Amino acid sequence: MNSRLHTKMIHEGKYMAEVEVSFINTNNDDWSPYLSLDDALKIDKVREALKNDDLSIAKGLAKIYIISEVAA
């Protein structure tokens, strides 16, 4: 079993976050690659924090960006 780092992009409202996670690969499993439970919960926590405008929690877990419209 090995793992590789990956950046997941999460979009919620006017915010976007880059969350670092590890994909777990196994050679004998049809379900590869997959996230650990901790990484899946981390993504959910970031998404919920962005949804509630709680940037103090989100910035501790991910890089946060504000998305703005440039032209209509």
Protein backbone atom coordinates (compact mmCIF):
# COMPACT_ATOMS: atom_id res chain seq x y z
CA MET A 1 0.00 0.00 0.00
CA ASN A 2 1.31 3.44 -0.89
CA SER A 3 -0.07 6.96 -0.94
CA ARG A 4 0.41 10.13 -2.92
CA LEU A 5 -0.39 13.72 -2.08
CA HIS A 6 -3.19 15.44 -3.97
CA THR A 7 -4.82 18.87 -3.78
CA LYS A 8 -8.62 18.80 -3.71
CA MET A 9 -10.41 21.97 -4.79
CA ILE A 10 -13.52 22.76 -2.76
CA HIS A 11 -15.97 25.44 -3.90
CA GLU A 12 -18.59 26.78 -1.51
CA GLY A 13 -20.40 30.07 -2.15
CA LYS A 14 -17.90 32.87 -2.78
CA TYR A 15 -14.97 30.82 -1.42
CA MET A 16 -12.64 28.22 -2.85
CA ALA A 17 -10.23 26.09 -0.84
CA GLU A 18 -7.23 23.93 -1.69
CA VAL A 19 -7.17 20.97 0.68
CA GLU A 20 -4.12 18.72 0.80
CA VAL A 21 -5.08 15.04 1.06
CA SER A 22 -3.41 11.69 0.49
CA PHE A 23 -4.77 9.20 -2.00
CA ILE A 24 -4.18 5.65 -0.80
CA ASN A 25 -3.34 3.09 -3.49
CA THR A 26 -3.39 -0.65 -3.01
CA ASN A 27 -2.37 -3.08 -5.71
CA ASN A 28 -4.92 -5.74 -4.86
CA ASP A 29 -8.06 -3.62 -4.45
CA ASP A 30 -10.57 -2.53 -7.06
CA TRP A 31 -11.43 0.52 -4.92
CA SER A 32 -8.06 2.27 -5.32
CA PRO A 33 -7.28 5.12 -5.02
CA TYR A 34 -9.28 6.29 -2.04
CA LEU A 35 -9.14 8.80 0.81
CA SER A 36 -8.60 7.97 4.44
CA LEU A 37 -11.48 8.71 6.79
CA ASP A 38 -9.47 11.57 8.34
CA ASP A 39 -8.97 13.24 4.96
CA ALA A 40 -12.64 12.83 4.03
CA LEU A 41 -13.66 14.41 7.35
CA LYS A 42 -11.13 17.20 6.78
CA ILE A 43 -12.75 18.03 3.42
CA ASP A 44 -16.20 18.01 5.03
CA LYS A 45 -14.99 20.28 7.85
CA VAL A 46 -13.51 22.79 5.38
CA ARG A 47 -16.70 22.77 3.29
CA GLU A 48 -18.88 23.34 6.36
CA ALA A 49 -16.60 26.14 7.63
CA LEU A 50 -16.77 27.92 4.27
CA LYS A 51 -20.53 27.51 4.16
CA ASN A 52 -20.78 29.21 7.58
CA ASP A 53 -18.20 31.94 6.72
CA ASP A 54 -15.95 30.59 9.48
CA LEU A 55 -12.61 31.34 7.84
CA SER A 56 -10.61 30.87 11.06
CA ILE A 57 -11.34 27.13 11.01
CA ALA A 58 -10.99 26.77 7.24
CA LYS A 59 -7.64 28.57 7.02
CA GLY A 60 -6.13 26.14 9.52
CA LEU A 61 -6.96 23.22 7.23
CA ALA A 62 -6.60 24.65 3.72
CA LYS A 63 -5.60 27.57 1.54
CA ILE A 64 -8.63 29.83 1.14
CA TYR A 65 -9.49 32.06 -1.82
CA ILE A 66 -12.35 34.49 -2.45
CA ILE A 67 -13.94 34.14 -5.85
CA SER A 68 -15.20 37.31 -7.50
CA GLU A 69 -16.83 37.95 -10.83
CA VAL A 70 -14.62 39.87 -13.23
CA ALA A 71 -17.17 40.63 -15.94
CA ALA A 72 -20.78 39.77 -16.63
